[in-house]
All heavy atoms as atom14 arrays in JSON, in Angstrom:
{
  "sequence": "SFGLVREIEVDGGGNALIGIEITTGSEEVPEQIAAEVKEKVGALE",
  "atom14_mask": [
    [1, 1, 1, 1, 1, 1, 0, 0, 0, 0, 0, 0, 0, 0],
    [1, 1, 1, 1, 1, 1, 1, 1, 1, 1, 1, 0, 0, 0],
    [1, 1, 1, 1, 0, 0, 0, 0, 0, 0, 0, 0, 0, 0],
    [1, 1, 1, 1, 1, 1, 1, 1, 0, 0, 0, 0, 0, 0],
    [1, 1, 1, 1, 1, 1, 1, 0, 0, 0, 0, 0, 0, 0],
    [1, 1, 1, 1, 1, 1, 1, 1, 1, 1, 1, 0, 0, 0],
    [1, 1, 1, 1, 1, 1, 1, 1, 1, 0, 0, 0, 0, 0],
    [1, 1, 1, 1, 1, 1, 1, 1, 0, 0, 0, 0, 0, 0],
    [1, 1, 1, 1, 1, 1, 1, 1, 1, 0, 0, 0, 0, 0],
    [1, 1, 1, 1, 1, 1, 1, 0, 0, 0, 0, 0, 0, 0],
    [1, 1, 1, 1, 1, 1, 1, 1, 0, 0, 0, 0, 0, 0],
    [1, 1, 1, 1, 0, 0, 0, 0, 0, 0, 0, 0, 0, 0],
    [1, 1, 1, 1, 0, 0, 0, 0, 0, 0, 0, 0, 0, 0],
    [1, 1, 1, 1, 0, 0, 0, 0, 0, 0, 0, 0, 0, 0],
    [1, 1, 1, 1, 1, 1, 1, 1, 0, 0, 0, 0, 0, 0],
    [1, 1, 1, 1, 1, 0, 0, 0, 0, 0, 0, 0, 0, 0],
    [1, 1, 1, 1, 1, 1, 1, 1, 0, 0, 0, 0, 0, 0],
    [1, 1, 1, 1, 1, 1, 1, 1, 0, 0, 0, 0, 0, 0],
    [1, 1, 1, 1, 0, 0, 0, 0, 0, 0, 0, 0, 0, 0],
    [1, 1, 1, 1, 1, 1, 1, 1, 0, 0, 0, 0, 0, 0],
    [1, 1, 1, 1, 1, 1, 1, 1, 1, 0, 0, 0, 0, 0],
    [1, 1, 1, 1, 1, 1, 1, 1, 0, 0, 0, 0, 0, 0],
    [1, 1, 1, 1, 1, 1, 1, 0, 0, 0, 0, 0, 0, 0],
    [1, 1, 1, 1, 1, 1, 1, 0, 0, 0, 0, 0, 0, 0],
    [1, 1, 1, 1, 0, 0, 0, 0, 0, 0, 0, 0, 0, 0],
    [1, 1, 1, 1, 1, 1, 0, 0, 0, 0, 0, 0, 0, 0],
    [1, 1, 1, 1, 1, 1, 1, 1, 1, 0, 0, 0, 0, 0],
    [1, 1, 1, 1, 1, 1, 1, 1, 1, 0, 0, 0, 0, 0],
    [1, 1, 1, 1, 1, 1, 1, 0, 0, 0, 0, 0, 0, 0],
    [1, 1, 1, 1, 1, 1, 1, 0, 0, 0, 0, 0, 0, 0],
    [1, 1, 1, 1, 1, 1, 1, 1, 1, 0, 0, 0, 0, 0],
    [1, 1, 1, 1, 1, 1, 1, 1, 1, 0, 0, 0, 0, 0],
    [1, 1, 1, 1, 1, 1, 1, 1, 0, 0, 0, 0, 0, 0],
    [1, 1, 1, 1, 1, 0, 0, 0, 0, 0, 0, 0, 0, 0],
    [1, 1, 1, 1, 1, 0, 0, 0, 0, 0, 0, 0, 0, 0],
    [1, 1, 1, 1, 1, 1, 1, 1, 1, 0, 0, 0, 0, 0],
    [1, 1, 1, 1, 1, 1, 1, 0, 0, 0, 0, 0, 0, 0],
    [1, 1, 1, 1, 1, 1, 1, 1, 1, 0, 0, 0, 0, 0],
    [1, 1, 1, 1, 1, 1, 1, 1, 1, 0, 0, 0, 0, 0],
    [1, 1, 1, 1, 1, 1, 1, 1, 1, 0, 0, 0, 0, 0],
    [1, 1, 1, 1, 1, 1, 1, 0, 0, 0, 0, 0, 0, 0],
    [1, 1, 1, 1, 0, 0, 0, 0, 0, 0, 0, 0, 0, 0],
    [1, 1, 1, 1, 1, 0, 0, 0, 0, 0, 0, 0, 0, 0],
    [1, 1, 1, 1, 1, 1, 1, 1, 0, 0, 0, 0, 0, 0],
    [1, 1, 1, 1, 1, 1, 1, 1, 1, 0, 0, 0, 0, 0]
  ],
  "atom14_positions": [
    [[-52.3, -58.15, -36.87], [-52.92, -59.46, -36.69], [-52.02, -60.4, -35.89], [-52.5, -61.32, -35.24], [-53.26, -60.1, -38.04], [-52.09, -60.44, -38.76], [0.0, 0.0, 0.0], [0.0, 0.0, 0.0], [0.0, 0.0, 0.0], [0.0, 0.0, 0.0], [0.0, 0.0, 0.0], [0.0, 0.0, 0.0], [0.0, 0.0, 0.0], [0.0, 0.0, 0.0]],
    [[-50.7, -60.16, -35.92], [-49.79, -60.95, -35.11], [-49.79, -60.5, -33.65], [-49.17, -61.12, -32.79], [-48.36, -60.87, -35.66], [-48.0, -61.99, -36.58], [-47.51, -61.73, -37.84], [-48.13, -63.31, -36.2], [-47.15, -62.76, -38.69], [-47.78, -64.35, -37.04], [-47.29, -64.07, -38.3], [0.0, 0.0, 0.0], [0.0, 0.0, 0.0], [0.0, 0.0, 0.0]],
    [[-50.47, -59.39, -33.35], [-50.54, -58.91, -31.97], [-49.27, -58.23, -31.48], [-49.01, -58.2, -30.28], [0.0, 0.0, 0.0], [0.0, 0.0, 0.0], [0.0, 0.0, 0.0], [0.0, 0.0, 0.0], [0.0, 0.0, 0.0], [0.0, 0.0, 0.0], [0.0, 0.0, 0.0], [0.0, 0.0, 0.0], [0.0, 0.0, 0.0], [0.0, 0.0, 0.0]],
    [[-48.51, -57.64, -32.4], [-47.24, -57.02, -32.03], [-47.39, -55.56, -31.6], [-46.52, -55.03, -30.91], [-46.24, -57.1, -33.19], [-45.96, -58.49, -33.75], [-44.87, -58.42, -34.81], [-45.55, -59.46, -32.66], [0.0, 0.0, 0.0], [0.0, 0.0, 0.0], [0.0, 0.0, 0.0], [0.0, 0.0, 0.0], [0.0, 0.0, 0.0], [0.0, 0.0, 0.0]],
    [[-48.45, -54.91, -32.03], [-48.63, -53.49, -31.73], [-49.21, -53.36, -30.33], [-50.31, -53.81, -30.04], [-49.56, -52.81, -32.76], [-49.75, -51.34, -32.4], [-48.99, -52.95, -34.16], [0.0, 0.0, 0.0], [0.0, 0.0, 0.0], [0.0, 0.0, 0.0], [0.0, 0.0, 0.0], [0.0, 0.0, 0.0], [0.0, 0.0, 0.0], [0.0, 0.0, 0.0]],
    [[-48.45, -52.71, -29.44], [-48.85, -52.62, -28.04], [-49.44, -51.27, -27.68], [-50.23, -51.17, -26.73], [-47.63, -52.88, -27.13], [-47.08, -54.29, -27.25], [-48.16, -55.32, -27.03], [-47.65, -56.67, -27.01], [-48.38, -57.75, -27.11], [-49.69, -57.63, -27.25], [-47.85, -58.95, -27.08], [0.0, 0.0, 0.0], [0.0, 0.0, 0.0], [0.0, 0.0, 0.0]],
    [[-49.07, -50.21, -28.38], [-49.64, -48.89, -28.06], [-49.59, -47.98, -29.28], [-48.72, -48.11, -30.14], [-48.88, -48.24, -26.89], [-47.41, -47.97, -27.16], [-46.74, -47.26, -26.0], [-47.41, -46.45, -25.35], [-45.54, -47.52, -25.76], [0.0, 0.0, 0.0], [0.0, 0.0, 0.0], [0.0, 0.0, 0.0], [0.0, 0.0, 0.0], [0.0, 0.0, 0.0]],
    [[-50.56, -47.1, -29.32], [-50.62, -46.06, -30.35], [-50.99, -44.76, -29.64], [-52.06, -44.67, -29.04], [-51.67, -46.38, -31.44], [-51.33, -47.69, -32.15], [-51.77, -45.23, -32.44], [-52.4, -48.14, -33.14], [0.0, 0.0, 0.0], [0.0, 0.0, 0.0], [0.0, 0.0, 0.0], [0.0, 0.0, 0.0], [0.0, 0.0, 0.0], [0.0, 0.0, 0.0]],
    [[-50.1, -43.78, -29.71], [-50.35, -42.49, -29.06], [-50.15, -41.38, -30.08], [-49.2, -41.41, -30.87], [-49.41, -42.28, -27.87], [-49.61, -43.26, -26.74], [-48.67, -43.01, -25.57], [-47.9, -42.01, -25.66], [-48.69, -43.78, -24.6], [0.0, 0.0, 0.0], [0.0, 0.0, 0.0], [0.0, 0.0, 0.0], [0.0, 0.0, 0.0], [0.0, 0.0, 0.0]],
    [[-51.05, -40.39, -30.05], [-50.94, -39.24, -30.94], [-51.19, -37.98, -30.13], [-52.18, -37.9, -29.4], [-51.96, -39.3, -32.11], [-51.7, -38.18, -33.1], [-51.9, -40.65, -32.8], [0.0, 0.0, 0.0], [0.0, 0.0, 0.0], [0.0, 0.0, 0.0], [0.0, 0.0, 0.0], [0.0, 0.0, 0.0], [0.0, 0.0, 0.0], [0.0, 0.0, 0.0]],
    [[-50.28, -37.01, -30.22], [-50.49, -35.77, -29.48], [-51.13, -34.72, -30.39], [-51.36, -34.96, -31.58], [-49.17, -35.25, -28.88], [-48.13, -34.88, -29.94], [-48.53, -34.63, -31.11], [-46.93, -34.82, -29.61], [0.0, 0.0, 0.0], [0.0, 0.0, 0.0], [0.0, 0.0, 0.0], [0.0, 0.0, 0.0], [0.0, 0.0, 0.0], [0.0, 0.0, 0.0]],
    [[-51.41, -33.57, -29.83], [-52.1, -32.53, -30.58], [-51.3, -31.94, -31.72], [-51.87, -31.31, -32.63], [0.0, 0.0, 0.0], [0.0, 0.0, 0.0], [0.0, 0.0, 0.0], [0.0, 0.0, 0.0], [0.0, 0.0, 0.0], [0.0, 0.0, 0.0], [0.0, 0.0, 0.0], [0.0, 0.0, 0.0], [0.0, 0.0, 0.0], [0.0, 0.0, 0.0]],
    [[-50.0, -32.16, -31.71], [-49.16, -31.63, -32.78], [-48.97, -32.57, -33.94], [-48.15, -32.3, -34.84], [0.0, 0.0, 0.0], [0.0, 0.0, 0.0], [0.0, 0.0, 0.0], [0.0, 0.0, 0.0], [0.0, 0.0, 0.0], [0.0, 0.0, 0.0], [0.0, 0.0, 0.0], [0.0, 0.0, 0.0], [0.0, 0.0, 0.0], [0.0, 0.0, 0.0]],
    [[-49.67, -33.7, -33.92], [-49.56, -34.65, -35.02], [-48.36, -35.57, -34.91], [-47.95, -36.19, -35.9], [0.0, 0.0, 0.0], [0.0, 0.0, 0.0], [0.0, 0.0, 0.0], [0.0, 0.0, 0.0], [0.0, 0.0, 0.0], [0.0, 0.0, 0.0], [0.0, 0.0, 0.0], [0.0, 0.0, 0.0], [0.0, 0.0, 0.0], [0.0, 0.0, 0.0]],
    [[-47.81, -35.7, -33.7], [-46.69, -36.6, -33.48], [-47.22, -37.96, -32.99], [-47.98, -38.01, -32.01], [-45.71, -36.03, -32.45], [-45.15, -34.7, -32.9], [-44.68, -34.56, -34.03], [-45.2, -33.69, -32.03], [0.0, 0.0, 0.0], [0.0, 0.0, 0.0], [0.0, 0.0, 0.0], [0.0, 0.0, 0.0], [0.0, 0.0, 0.0], [0.0, 0.0, 0.0]],
    [[-46.84, -39.03, -33.67], [-47.35, -40.36, -33.35], [-46.26, -41.21, -32.73], [-45.11, -41.21, -33.19], [-47.87, -41.04, -34.62], [0.0, 0.0, 0.0], [0.0, 0.0, 0.0], [0.0, 0.0, 0.0], [0.0, 0.0, 0.0], [0.0, 0.0, 0.0], [0.0, 0.0, 0.0], [0.0, 0.0, 0.0], [0.0, 0.0, 0.0], [0.0, 0.0, 0.0]],
    [[-46.63, -41.95, -31.67], [-45.72, -42.9, -31.04], [-46.34, -44.29, -31.16], [-47.46, -44.51, -30.73], [-45.52, -42.56, -29.56], [-44.74, -43.59, -28.73], [-43.31, -43.71, -29.25], [-44.74, -43.22, -27.25], [0.0, 0.0, 0.0], [0.0, 0.0, 0.0], [0.0, 0.0, 0.0], [0.0, 0.0, 0.0], [0.0, 0.0, 0.0], [0.0, 0.0, 0.0]],
    [[-45.59, -45.2, -31.78], [-46.06, -46.57, -31.98], [-45.19, -47.5, -31.15], [-43.97, -47.54, -31.31], [-45.97, -46.98, -33.46], [-46.56, -45.9, -34.38], [-46.66, -48.32, -33.68], [-48.0, -45.6, -34.15], [0.0, 0.0, 0.0], [0.0, 0.0, 0.0], [0.0, 0.0, 0.0], [0.0, 0.0, 0.0], [0.0, 0.0, 0.0], [0.0, 0.0, 0.0]],
    [[-45.81, -48.25, -30.23], [-45.09, -49.22, -29.41], [-45.25, -50.61, -29.98], [-46.37, -51.08, -30.22], [0.0, 0.0, 0.0], [0.0, 0.0, 0.0], [0.0, 0.0, 0.0], [0.0, 0.0, 0.0], [0.0, 0.0, 0.0], [0.0, 0.0, 0.0], [0.0, 0.0, 0.0], [0.0, 0.0, 0.0], [0.0, 0.0, 0.0], [0.0, 0.0, 0.0]],
    [[-44.13, -51.29, -30.22], [-44.14, -52.63, -30.81], [-43.3, -53.56, -29.95], [-42.22, -53.18, -29.5], [-43.61, -52.6, -32.25], [-44.53, -51.76, -33.14], [-43.47, -54.01, -32.82], [-44.03, -51.57, -34.54], [0.0, 0.0, 0.0], [0.0, 0.0, 0.0], [0.0, 0.0, 0.0], [0.0, 0.0, 0.0], [0.0, 0.0, 0.0], [0.0, 0.0, 0.0]],
    [[-43.8, -54.77, -29.75], [-43.08, -55.76, -28.96], [-42.93, -57.04, -29.76], [-43.92, -57.62, -30.22], [-43.85, -56.05, -27.66], [-43.19, -57.08, -26.76], [-44.01, -57.35, -25.51], [-44.74, -56.42, -25.08], [-43.95, -58.47, -24.99], [0.0, 0.0, 0.0], [0.0, 0.0, 0.0], [0.0, 0.0, 0.0], [0.0, 0.0, 0.0], [0.0, 0.0, 0.0]],
    [[-41.69, -57.48, -29.99], [-41.46, -58.7, -30.77], [-40.41, -59.56, -30.1], [-39.62, -59.09, -29.28], [-41.03, -58.4, -32.22], [-39.67, -57.71, -32.25], [-42.07, -57.59, -32.96], [-39.11, -57.58, -33.67], [0.0, 0.0, 0.0], [0.0, 0.0, 0.0], [0.0, 0.0, 0.0], [0.0, 0.0, 0.0], [0.0, 0.0, 0.0], [0.0, 0.0, 0.0]],
    [[-40.41, -60.83, -30.47], [-39.37, -61.76, -30.06], [-38.62, -62.17, -31.31], [-39.21, -62.72, -32.25], [-39.98, -63.01, -29.39], [-40.69, -62.6, -28.23], [-38.89, -63.99, -28.99], [0.0, 0.0, 0.0], [0.0, 0.0, 0.0], [0.0, 0.0, 0.0], [0.0, 0.0, 0.0], [0.0, 0.0, 0.0], [0.0, 0.0, 0.0], [0.0, 0.0, 0.0]],
    [[-37.32, -61.87, -31.38], [-36.54, -62.18, -32.58], [-35.06, -62.23, -32.24], [-34.6, -61.54, -31.33], [-36.79, -61.13, -33.68], [-35.99, -61.46, -34.83], [-36.42, -59.73, -33.21], [0.0, 0.0, 0.0], [0.0, 0.0, 0.0], [0.0, 0.0, 0.0], [0.0, 0.0, 0.0], [0.0, 0.0, 0.0], [0.0, 0.0, 0.0], [0.0, 0.0, 0.0]],
    [[-34.35, -63.04, -32.98], [-32.91, -63.07, -32.86], [-32.24, -62.34, -33.99], [-31.01, -62.33, -34.11], [0.0, 0.0, 0.0], [0.0, 0.0, 0.0], [0.0, 0.0, 0.0], [0.0, 0.0, 0.0], [0.0, 0.0, 0.0], [0.0, 0.0, 0.0], [0.0, 0.0, 0.0], [0.0, 0.0, 0.0], [0.0, 0.0, 0.0], [0.0, 0.0, 0.0]],
    [[-33.03, -61.71, -34.84], [-32.5, -61.01, -36.01], [-32.42, -59.51, -35.75], [-33.34, -58.92, -35.17], [-33.39, -61.27, -37.23], [-33.09, -60.4, -38.29], [0.0, 0.0, 0.0], [0.0, 0.0, 0.0], [0.0, 0.0, 0.0], [0.0, 0.0, 0.0], [0.0, 0.0, 0.0], [0.0, 0.0, 0.0], [0.0, 0.0, 0.0], [0.0, 0.0, 0.0]],
    [[-31.34, -58.89, -36.22], [-31.23, -57.44, -36.11], [-31.97, -56.74, -37.24], [-32.42, -55.6, -37.09], [-29.74, -57.03, -36.15], [-28.94, -57.53, -34.95], [-27.49, -57.08, -35.02], [-27.13, -56.4, -36.01], [-26.72, -57.4, -34.09], [0.0, 0.0, 0.0], [0.0, 0.0, 0.0], [0.0, 0.0, 0.0], [0.0, 0.0, 0.0], [0.0, 0.0, 0.0]],
    [[-32.11, -57.43, -38.38], [-32.74, -56.81, -39.54], [-34.26, -56.68, -39.41], [-34.86, -55.72, -39.88], [-32.43, -57.61, -40.82], [-30.98, -57.56, -41.26], [-30.1, -58.51, -40.46], [-30.67, -59.35, -39.72], [-28.86, -58.41, -40.56], [0.0, 0.0, 0.0], [0.0, 0.0, 0.0], [0.0, 0.0, 0.0], [0.0, 0.0, 0.0], [0.0, 0.0, 0.0]],
    [[-34.89, -57.66, -38.74], [-36.36, -57.66, -38.64], [-36.9, -56.42, -37.94], [-37.79, -55.74, -38.47], [-36.86, -58.96, -37.96], [-38.33, -58.83, -37.57], [-36.68, -60.14, -38.9], [0.0, 0.0, 0.0], [0.0, 0.0, 0.0], [0.0, 0.0, 0.0], [0.0, 0.0, 0.0], [0.0, 0.0, 0.0], [0.0, 0.0, 0.0], [0.0, 0.0, 0.0]],
    [[-36.4, -56.05, -36.75], [-36.91, -54.83, -36.1], [-36.67, -53.58, -36.95], [-37.54, -52.7, -37.0], [-36.13, -54.77, -34.78], [-35.68, -56.16, -34.53], [-35.41, -56.74, -35.88], [0.0, 0.0, 0.0], [0.0, 0.0, 0.0], [0.0, 0.0, 0.0], [0.0, 0.0, 0.0], [0.0, 0.0, 0.0], [0.0, 0.0, 0.0], [0.0, 0.0, 0.0]],
    [[-35.51, -53.51, -37.59], [-35.2, -52.34, -38.41], [-36.16, -52.23, -39.59], [-36.63, -51.14, -39.92], [-33.75, -52.41, -38.9], [-32.7, -52.29, -37.8], [-31.29, -52.46, -38.32], [-31.14, -52.71, -39.54], [-30.34, -52.33, -37.52], [0.0, 0.0, 0.0], [0.0, 0.0, 0.0], [0.0, 0.0, 0.0], [0.0, 0.0, 0.0], [0.0, 0.0, 0.0]],
    [[-36.45, -53.36, -40.22], [-37.35, -53.34, -41.37], [-38.76, -52.96, -40.95], [-39.43, -52.17, -41.63], [-37.35, -54.72, -42.04], [-38.2, -54.77, -43.31], [-38.09, -56.1, -44.02], [-37.12, -56.86, -43.81], [-39.06, -56.43, -44.85], [0.0, 0.0, 0.0], [0.0, 0.0, 0.0], [0.0, 0.0, 0.0], [0.0, 0.0, 0.0], [0.0, 0.0, 0.0]],
    [[-39.22, -53.52, -39.82], [-40.56, -53.19, -39.35], [-40.66, -51.71, -38.99], [-41.62, -51.03, -39.37], [-40.94, -54.07, -38.13], [-41.13, -55.52, -38.58], [-42.21, -53.55, -37.46], [-41.41, -56.48, -37.43], [0.0, 0.0, 0.0], [0.0, 0.0, 0.0], [0.0, 0.0, 0.0], [0.0, 0.0, 0.0], [0.0, 0.0, 0.0], [0.0, 0.0, 0.0]],
    [[-39.67, -51.2, -38.27], [-39.69, -49.79, -37.86], [-39.7, -48.87, -39.08], [-40.43, -47.86, -39.1], [-38.48, -49.48, -36.98], [0.0, 0.0, 0.0], [0.0, 0.0, 0.0], [0.0, 0.0, 0.0], [0.0, 0.0, 0.0], [0.0, 0.0, 0.0], [0.0, 0.0, 0.0], [0.0, 0.0, 0.0], [0.0, 0.0, 0.0], [0.0, 0.0, 0.0]],
    [[-38.91, -49.2, -40.1], [-38.87, -48.37, -41.31], [-40.21, -48.35, -42.02], [-40.68, -47.29, -42.46], [-37.77, -48.88, -42.24], [0.0, 0.0, 0.0], [0.0, 0.0, 0.0], [0.0, 0.0, 0.0], [0.0, 0.0, 0.0], [0.0, 0.0, 0.0], [0.0, 0.0, 0.0], [0.0, 0.0, 0.0], [0.0, 0.0, 0.0], [0.0, 0.0, 0.0]],
    [[-40.87, -49.52, -42.11], [-42.16, -49.58, -42.79], [-43.25, -48.89, -41.98], [-44.17, -48.28, -42.54], [-42.54, -51.03, -43.08], [-41.66, -51.69, -44.13], [-42.26, -52.99, -44.63], [-43.5, -53.08, -44.71], [-41.48, -53.91, -44.93], [0.0, 0.0, 0.0], [0.0, 0.0, 0.0], [0.0, 0.0, 0.0], [0.0, 0.0, 0.0], [0.0, 0.0, 0.0]],
    [[-43.17, -48.99, -40.65], [-44.14, -48.29, -39.8], [-44.04, -46.78, -40.03], [-45.06, -46.09, -40.19], [-43.9, -48.63, -38.32], [-44.67, -47.67, -37.42], [-44.34, -50.06, -38.02], [0.0, 0.0, 0.0], [0.0, 0.0, 0.0], [0.0, 0.0, 0.0], [0.0, 0.0, 0.0], [0.0, 0.0, 0.0], [0.0, 0.0, 0.0], [0.0, 0.0, 0.0]],
    [[-42.82, -46.26, -40.04], [-42.63, -44.83, -40.26], [-43.13, -44.41, -41.64], [-43.72, -43.34, -41.81], [-41.16, -44.47, -40.09], [-40.66, -44.57, -38.65], [-39.19, -44.2, -38.54], [-38.73, -44.29, -37.08], [-37.3, -43.95, -36.93], [0.0, 0.0, 0.0], [0.0, 0.0, 0.0], [0.0, 0.0, 0.0], [0.0, 0.0, 0.0], [0.0, 0.0, 0.0]],
    [[-42.91, -45.28, -42.62], [-43.35, -44.96, -43.99], [-44.88, -44.92, -44.09], [-45.46, -43.97, -44.62], [-42.79, -45.98, -44.97], [-43.28, -45.78, -46.41], [-42.87, -46.91, -47.33], [-42.05, -47.77, -46.92], [-43.4, -46.95, -48.46], [0.0, 0.0, 0.0], [0.0, 0.0, 0.0], [0.0, 0.0, 0.0], [0.0, 0.0, 0.0], [0.0, 0.0, 0.0]],
    [[-45.54, -45.97, -43.58], [-46.99, -46.07, -43.73], [-47.73, -45.04, -42.88], [-48.66, -44.38, -43.35], [-47.47, -47.48, -43.35], [-46.88, -48.6, -44.19], [-47.25, -48.47, -45.66], [-46.72, -49.66, -46.46], [-47.02, -49.52, -47.91], [0.0, 0.0, 0.0], [0.0, 0.0, 0.0], [0.0, 0.0, 0.0], [0.0, 0.0, 0.0], [0.0, 0.0, 0.0]],
    [[-47.31, -44.89, -41.63], [-47.99, -43.94, -40.74], [-47.63, -42.51, -41.13], [-48.48, -41.61, -41.09], [-47.63, -44.22, -39.27], [-48.28, -43.19, -38.35], [-48.07, -45.63, -38.87], [0.0, 0.0, 0.0], [0.0, 0.0, 0.0], [0.0, 0.0, 0.0], [0.0, 0.0, 0.0], [0.0, 0.0, 0.0], [0.0, 0.0, 0.0], [0.0, 0.0, 0.0]],
    [[-46.38, -42.3, -41.51], [-45.96, -40.96, -41.9], [-46.66, -40.43, -43.13], [-46.72, -39.22, -43.34], [0.0, 0.0, 0.0], [0.0, 0.0, 0.0], [0.0, 0.0, 0.0], [0.0, 0.0, 0.0], [0.0, 0.0, 0.0], [0.0, 0.0, 0.0], [0.0, 0.0, 0.0], [0.0, 0.0, 0.0], [0.0, 0.0, 0.0], [0.0, 0.0, 0.0]],
    [[-47.22, -41.34, -43.94], [-47.92, -40.92, -45.15], [-49.34, -40.44, -44.86], [-50.0, -39.87, -45.75], [-47.96, -42.08, -46.15], [0.0, 0.0, 0.0], [0.0, 0.0, 0.0], [0.0, 0.0, 0.0], [0.0, 0.0, 0.0], [0.0, 0.0, 0.0], [0.0, 0.0, 0.0], [0.0, 0.0, 0.0], [0.0, 0.0, 0.0], [0.0, 0.0, 0.0]],
    [[-49.82, -40.63, -43.63], [-51.18, -40.2, -43.3], [-51.25, -38.69, -43.17], [-50.33, -38.04, -42.64], [-51.63, -40.84, -41.98], [-51.79, -42.37, -41.97], [-52.1, -42.86, -40.56], [-52.9, -42.8, -42.94], [0.0, 0.0, 0.0], [0.0, 0.0, 0.0], [0.0, 0.0, 0.0], [0.0, 0.0, 0.0], [0.0, 0.0, 0.0], [0.0, 0.0, 0.0]],
    [[-52.35, -38.15, -43.61], [-52.55, -36.7, -43.5], [-52.69, -36.31, -42.03], [-53.43, -36.94, -41.27], [-53.8, -36.29, -44.27], [-54.05, -34.79, -44.29], [-55.27, -34.42, -45.11], [-55.84, -35.32, -45.77], [-55.64, -33.22, -45.1], [0.0, 0.0, 0.0], [0.0, 0.0, 0.0], [0.0, 0.0, 0.0], [0.0, 0.0, 0.0], [0.0, 0.0, 0.0]]
  ]
}
């Protein structure tokens, strides 16, 4: 809803690439977002 997700690609082998674009001065914010993205998407069958 914040419009941060720029691309979603999935190949035939079930490998997903998520492109995210943000503006931040924090090092922790991108790391936290990336970790949660891997957790939520990785849980999909």
